[in-house]
Amino acid sequence: MKAPLRHYLQFKDLTADDYGYLFQRTALIKRRFKNYERYQPLVDRTLALIFEKASTRTRVSFEAGMYQMGGSVVHLTTGDSQLGRAEPIEDSARVISRMTDLVMIRTFEQSKIERFAAHSRVPVINGLTNEFHPCQIMADLFTWLEARAMDGHDRIDMAALQGRVVAWVGDGNNMANTWLQAAELLGFTVHLSTPSGYEVNPSVAGLKGSGCYKVFADPLEACRGADLVTTDVWTSMGFEAENDARRAAFARWRVSAEMMAVAQPDALFMHCLPAHRGEEVDADVIDGPQSVVWDEAENRMHVQKALMEWLLLGRIG
């Protein structure tokens, strides 16, 4: 059994129905994992992991996930692969995709992964680019649904996302861009609050309109009434030279207990990690009762297992 060739390069590459299926599969796959039930549908399949950016959670979640599903992994770093340096990206894609069944790439420009996918014979997954981080938002949404919209039989109510509010506090980065795509596709609203000069550029997300987000100068107001408050580091990989300037600019954009207090009483806090307590979030928030960052981190592995299964085998049942 083989699924038609699909890639996962941006969140909007899939439909709302696709995500409903994937989140339901994630719940089942995670339950099997927790119950120590052997489930290995990807025996004899090989995943190539290509990293041009450093990684902890992305590598562990994909590598452990693929092994748990019965497959194997080839791990390549910048020194091993050098996409577009030692040979053209197009040639790397042609070669690697003849030897593996699935490719995950964590790189800089989105154009690199798009060029690779255009010449790949196998599915390509975006493990992070400067512009987007779709696997992380998949994990974040599943984590919210798991906590707020899943019954005792692991059935997920996707309609529960309709009309919800996600507050994004911090840098207008790849995470913010991906949240906008998710909001437009799944029917919720993002409250954006970023320092001047670090705003989100909605054109990067390729939105059809502006109805899925609102912009707030005051981060406290962005959090008011939110169902989920989320943030990221102030300085993403590749921008380390700006660290001092960013610390000064972002001083008011630290997620605090005061911000969580004006959100909904059952609001959750998320962070894609690594986190810097005392910078983008206070310790009493990330380590507090509303924080689900550890579930969120684990769920990267489970949503990616469902994604890999779907890309390689199609819908099960």
Protein backbone atom coordinates (compact mmCIF):
# COMPACT_ATOMS: atom_id res chain seq x y z
CA MET A 1 0.00 0.00 0.00
CA LYS A 2 1.41 3.37 -1.02
CA ALA A 3 -0.09 6.82 -0.68
CA PRO A 4 0.07 9.38 -3.53
CA LEU A 5 3.04 11.71 -3.26
CA ARG A 6 2.38 14.60 -0.88
CA HIS A 7 4.67 17.02 0.89
CA TYR A 8 4.18 18.93 4.15
CA LEU A 9 5.97 22.24 3.73
CA GLN A 10 3.45 24.68 5.25
CA PHE A 11 0.48 24.26 7.57
CA LYS A 12 -1.92 25.26 4.80
CA ASP A 13 -0.72 22.37 2.59
CA LEU A 14 -3.41 20.21 4.26
CA THR A 15 -7.16 20.69 4.65
CA ALA A 16 -9.20 20.99 7.83
CA ASP A 17 -10.50 17.48 7.14
CA ASP A 18 -6.91 16.20 6.85
CA TYR A 19 -6.08 17.67 10.25
CA GLY A 20 -9.21 16.16 11.78
CA TYR A 21 -8.07 12.76 10.55
CA LEU A 22 -4.45 13.27 11.67
CA PHE A 23 -5.42 14.43 15.17
CA GLN A 24 -7.69 11.42 15.56
CA ARG A 25 -4.86 9.12 14.46
CA THR A 26 -2.52 10.93 16.85
CA ALA A 27 -4.83 10.19 19.78
CA LEU A 28 -4.92 6.50 18.85
CA ILE A 29 -1.16 6.25 18.26
CA LYS A 30 -0.41 8.02 21.53
CA ARG A 31 -2.76 5.72 23.48
CA ARG A 32 -1.03 2.68 21.99
CA PHE A 33 2.34 4.15 22.98
CA LYS A 34 1.20 4.79 26.56
CA ASN A 35 -0.18 1.24 26.81
CA TYR A 36 3.05 -0.29 25.45
CA GLU A 37 1.16 -1.71 22.48
CA ARG A 38 3.48 -2.56 19.61
CA TYR A 39 2.45 -0.73 16.42
CA GLN A 40 4.92 -0.77 13.53
CA PRO A 41 3.29 0.02 10.18
CA LEU A 42 6.50 1.52 8.72
CA VAL A 43 8.75 -1.56 8.80
CA ASP A 44 11.42 -1.38 6.06
CA ARG A 45 10.77 2.34 5.53
CA THR A 46 13.66 4.79 5.93
CA LEU A 47 13.45 8.42 7.04
CA ALA A 48 16.25 10.84 6.12
CA LEU A 49 16.71 13.66 8.65
CA ILE A 50 18.61 16.65 7.21
CA PHE A 51 19.65 19.36 9.67
CA GLU A 52 21.16 22.70 8.71
CA LYS A 53 19.94 24.16 12.03
CA ALA A 54 20.65 22.74 15.47
CA SER A 55 17.93 20.60 16.97
CA THR A 56 16.94 18.76 20.13
CA ARG A 57 13.17 18.13 20.08
CA THR A 58 12.89 17.85 16.30
CA ARG A 59 15.61 15.23 16.05
CA VAL A 60 14.49 13.20 19.07
CA SER A 61 10.80 13.31 18.14
CA PHE A 62 11.29 12.26 14.52
CA GLU A 63 14.00 9.70 15.23
CA ALA A 64 12.26 8.06 18.18
CA GLY A 65 8.93 8.21 16.39
CA MET A 66 10.22 6.51 13.25
CA TYR A 67 11.89 3.74 15.26
CA GLN A 68 8.69 3.21 17.26
CA MET A 69 6.77 2.85 13.99
CA GLY A 70 9.20 0.14 12.87
CA GLY A 71 11.29 2.16 10.43
CA SER A 72 14.90 3.29 10.35
CA VAL A 73 16.61 6.69 10.22
CA VAL A 74 19.52 8.26 8.36
CA HIS A 75 20.76 11.41 10.11
CA LEU A 76 22.57 14.11 8.13
CA THR A 77 23.97 17.39 9.46
CA THR A 78 25.35 20.44 7.67
CA GLY A 79 28.79 18.84 7.39
CA ASP A 80 27.31 15.69 5.87
CA SER A 81 24.85 17.18 3.41
CA GLN A 82 25.61 20.88 2.73
CA LEU A 83 22.44 21.47 0.77
CA GLY A 84 23.20 23.73 -2.16
CA ARG A 85 26.91 23.95 -1.33
CA ALA A 86 28.64 20.70 -2.24
CA GLU A 87 26.02 20.07 -4.94
CA PRO A 88 22.82 21.71 -6.11
CA ILE A 89 19.77 21.15 -3.91
CA GLU A 90 17.99 19.61 -6.87
CA ASP A 91 20.69 16.95 -7.25
CA SER A 92 20.69 16.17 -3.51
CA ALA A 93 16.93 15.67 -3.71
CA ARG A 94 17.18 13.33 -6.67
CA VAL A 95 19.79 11.16 -4.94
CA ILE A 96 18.46 11.09 -1.36
CA SER A 97 14.89 10.41 -2.48
CA ARG A 98 16.02 7.35 -4.45
CA MET A 99 17.53 5.82 -1.31
CA THR A 100 14.93 6.71 1.35
CA ASP A 101 11.14 6.75 1.71
CA LEU A 102 10.65 10.05 3.51
CA VAL A 103 12.72 13.20 4.09
CA MET A 104 12.54 15.73 6.94
CA ILE A 105 14.50 18.96 6.49
CA ARG A 106 15.30 21.64 9.08
CA THR A 107 16.90 24.55 7.26
CA PHE A 108 16.94 28.31 6.78
CA GLU A 109 15.09 29.66 3.73
CA GLN A 110 11.72 28.14 2.83
CA SER A 111 12.84 28.25 -0.80
CA LYS A 112 15.44 25.54 -0.05
CA ILE A 113 12.90 23.00 1.12
CA GLU A 114 10.55 23.89 -1.74
CA ARG A 115 13.32 23.31 -4.29
CA PHE A 116 14.17 19.99 -2.65
CA ALA A 117 10.54 18.86 -2.64
CA ALA A 118 10.10 19.81 -6.30
CA HIS A 119 12.77 17.24 -7.25
CA SER A 120 12.03 14.56 -4.63
CA ARG A 121 10.40 11.22 -5.41
CA VAL A 122 9.29 10.84 -1.78
CA PRO A 123 7.36 13.01 0.73
CA VAL A 124 9.26 15.94 2.25
CA ILE A 125 8.40 17.35 5.70
CA ASN A 126 9.29 20.83 6.94
CA GLY A 127 11.00 20.37 10.32
CA LEU A 128 11.48 24.17 10.56
CA THR A 129 12.45 27.01 8.24
CA ASN A 130 12.87 30.73 8.81
CA GLU A 131 9.30 31.23 7.61
CA PHE A 132 7.28 28.28 8.99
CA HIS A 133 7.16 25.57 11.68
CA PRO A 134 4.09 23.47 10.77
CA CYS A 135 4.90 20.34 12.82
CA GLN A 136 5.10 22.44 15.99
CA ILE A 137 1.71 24.06 15.42
CA MET A 138 0.25 20.61 14.73
CA ALA A 139 1.54 19.53 18.13
CA ASP A 140 0.26 22.69 19.81
CA LEU A 141 -3.25 22.31 18.38
CA PHE A 142 -3.41 18.63 19.27
CA THR A 143 -2.29 19.48 22.81
CA TRP A 144 -5.11 22.02 23.16
CA LEU A 145 -7.67 19.60 21.72
CA GLU A 146 -6.40 16.79 23.94
CA ALA A 147 -6.83 18.97 27.02
CA ARG A 148 -10.11 20.65 26.11
CA ALA A 149 -11.94 18.72 23.38
CA MET A 150 -11.32 14.99 23.70
CA ASP A 151 -13.73 12.57 25.36
CA GLY A 152 -13.00 9.38 27.29
CA HIS A 153 -12.93 7.37 24.07
CA ASP A 154 -10.16 9.47 22.46
CA ARG A 155 -12.64 11.17 20.13
CA ILE A 156 -11.58 14.70 19.22
CA ASP A 157 -14.06 17.50 18.55
CA MET A 158 -12.42 19.71 15.91
CA ALA A 159 -15.38 22.10 16.06
CA ALA A 160 -14.13 23.13 19.51
CA LEU A 161 -11.48 25.26 17.79
CA GLN A 162 -14.09 27.44 16.11
CA GLY A 163 -14.15 30.94 17.60
CA ARG A 164 -11.29 30.34 20.05
CA VAL A 165 -8.58 32.93 20.65
CA VAL A 166 -4.83 32.32 20.65
CA ALA A 167 -2.66 35.13 22.00
CA TRP A 168 0.77 35.34 20.41
CA VAL A 169 3.16 37.45 22.51
CA GLY A 170 6.66 38.14 21.19
CA ASP A 171 8.53 37.90 17.91
CA GLY A 172 6.73 37.90 14.55
CA ASN A 173 8.61 34.78 13.51
CA ASN A 174 8.00 31.41 11.83
CA MET A 175 5.74 30.28 14.68
CA ALA A 176 3.56 33.38 14.37
CA ASN A 177 3.32 32.93 10.59
CA THR A 178 2.20 29.32 11.05
CA TRP A 179 -0.36 30.22 13.72
CA LEU A 180 -1.95 32.61 11.20
CA GLN A 181 -2.24 29.86 8.60
CA ALA A 182 -3.80 27.53 11.18
CA ALA A 183 -6.28 30.19 12.33
CA GLU A 184 -7.51 30.90 8.82
CA LEU A 185 -7.86 27.21 8.01
CA LEU A 186 -9.46 26.04 11.25
CA GLY A 187 -11.62 29.00 12.22
CA PHE A 188 -10.03 30.60 15.27
CA THR A 189 -8.47 34.03 15.86
CA VAL A 190 -4.89 35.00 16.72
CA HIS A 191 -4.22 38.08 18.85
CA LEU A 192 -0.78 39.31 17.76
CA SER A 193 1.36 41.49 19.98
CA THR A 194 4.96 42.18 18.99
CA PRO A 195 7.43 45.01 19.64
CA SER A 196 7.74 47.72 17.01
CA GLY A 197 10.06 46.54 14.26
CA TYR A 198 9.37 42.86 14.93
CA GLU A 199 5.83 42.64 13.55
CA VAL A 200 4.36 39.69 11.71
CA ASN A 201 4.18 40.13 7.95
CA PRO A 202 0.84 38.49 7.03
CA SER A 203 1.86 38.29 3.37
CA VAL A 204 4.44 35.63 4.31
CA ALA A 205 1.65 33.38 5.54
CA GLY A 206 -0.21 33.88 2.27
CA LEU A 207 -3.55 34.59 3.92
CA LYS A 208 -6.72 35.10 1.91
CA GLY A 209 -7.83 37.93 4.22
CA SER A 210 -7.24 39.56 7.60
CA GLY A 211 -10.22 38.13 9.47
CA CYS A 212 -8.24 35.53 11.38
CA TYR A 213 -6.07 37.92 13.40
CA LYS A 214 -6.05 41.17 15.37
CA VAL A 215 -3.01 43.28 16.25
CA PHE A 216 -2.42 44.67 19.75
CA ALA A 217 0.24 47.17 20.83
CA ASP A 218 -0.22 46.10 24.45
CA PRO A 219 0.59 42.42 25.13
CA LEU A 220 -1.69 42.41 28.17
CA GLU A 221 -4.66 43.36 25.98
CA ALA A 222 -3.73 40.66 23.48
CA CYS A 223 -4.07 38.08 26.25
CA ARG A 224 -7.42 39.36 27.50
CA GLY A 225 -10.02 36.63 27.01
CA ALA A 226 -7.60 34.27 25.25
CA ASP A 227 -8.04 30.50 25.41
CA LEU A 228 -4.34 29.92 24.80
CA VAL A 229 -1.32 32.16 25.45
CA THR A 230 1.87 31.25 23.66
CA THR A 231 5.29 32.68 22.92
CA ASP A 232 8.79 31.83 21.71
CA VAL A 233 12.36 32.89 22.41
CA TRP A 234 13.16 36.52 21.70
CA THR A 235 16.13 35.60 19.51
CA SER A 236 15.59 32.79 17.01
CA MET A 237 18.43 30.82 15.42
CA GLY A 238 20.24 32.92 12.86
CA PHE A 239 19.59 36.22 14.66
CA GLU A 240 22.07 35.84 17.53
CA ALA A 241 23.89 39.06 16.57
CA GLU A 242 20.70 40.97 17.46
CA ASN A 243 20.42 39.49 20.95
CA ASP A 244 21.17 42.63 22.99
CA ALA A 245 18.91 44.83 20.88
CA ARG A 246 16.11 42.28 21.09
CA ARG A 247 16.34 42.00 24.87
CA ALA A 248 15.81 45.76 25.13
CA ALA A 249 12.99 45.84 22.58
CA PHE A 250 11.10 42.85 23.99
CA ALA A 251 11.23 43.77 27.70
CA ARG A 252 7.44 44.35 27.90
CA TRP A 253 6.65 41.14 26.00
CA ARG A 254 7.45 38.68 28.78
CA VAL A 255 4.46 36.43 29.47
CA SER A 256 3.61 37.02 33.12
CA ALA A 257 1.08 35.83 35.68
CA GLU A 258 -0.74 39.14 35.12
CA MET A 259 -1.19 38.30 31.44
CA MET A 260 -2.44 34.80 32.23
CA ALA A 261 -4.87 36.29 34.79
CA VAL A 262 -6.71 38.32 32.11
CA ALA A 263 -6.99 35.30 29.80
CA GLN A 264 -9.83 32.80 30.17
CA PRO A 265 -9.82 31.04 33.58
CA ASP A 266 -8.98 27.74 31.89
CA ALA A 267 -6.48 29.23 29.44
CA LEU A 268 -3.39 27.18 28.67
CA PHE A 269 0.19 28.39 28.27
CA MET A 270 2.44 26.96 25.57
CA HIS A 271 6.03 27.44 24.46
CA CYS A 272 7.76 25.48 21.69
CA LEU A 273 11.03 25.40 23.71
CA PRO A 274 13.85 25.91 24.51
CA ALA A 275 12.63 28.51 27.02
CA HIS A 276 14.50 31.25 28.85
CA ARG A 277 12.80 31.89 32.18
CA GLY A 278 12.92 35.57 33.02
CA GLU A 279 13.08 36.58 29.36
CA GLU A 280 10.09 35.65 27.18
CA VAL A 281 8.23 33.99 30.08
CA ASP A 282 8.27 34.17 33.85
CA ALA A 283 9.16 30.98 35.71
CA ASP A 284 5.86 30.94 37.62
CA VAL A 285 4.00 30.79 34.29
CA ILE A 286 5.96 28.11 32.44
CA ASP A 287 6.24 26.02 35.61
CA GLY A 288 2.71 26.85 36.76
CA PRO A 289 -0.57 24.93 36.61
CA GLN A 290 -1.74 26.43 33.29
CA SER A 291 1.42 25.38 31.46
CA VAL A 292 1.25 22.33 29.17
CA VAL A 293 4.70 22.73 27.61
CA TRP A 294 5.83 19.20 28.48
CA ASP A 295 2.72 17.60 26.96
CA GLU A 296 3.23 19.90 23.98
CA ALA A 297 6.85 18.75 23.58
CA GLU A 298 5.92 15.05 23.80
CA ASN A 299 3.08 15.51 21.34
CA ARG A 300 5.54 16.56 18.65
CA MET A 301 6.48 12.90 18.43
CA HIS A 302 2.92 11.61 18.30
CA VAL A 303 1.58 14.04 15.68
CA GLN A 304 4.65 13.40 13.53
CA LYS A 305 4.11 9.66 13.74
CA ALA A 306 0.55 10.18 12.47
CA LEU A 307 1.85 12.50 9.75
CA MET A 308 4.52 10.04 8.57
CA GLU A 309 2.02 7.18 8.55
CA TRP A 310 -0.39 9.25 6.43
CA LEU A 311 2.24 10.49 3.99
CA LEU A 312 3.51 6.95 3.39
CA LEU A 313 0.37 4.83 3.71
CA GLY A 314 -2.58 7.18 3.25
CA ARG A 315 -5.65 6.99 5.48
CA ILE A 316 -5.94 3.87 7.60
CA GLY A 317 -9.41 2.35 7.74
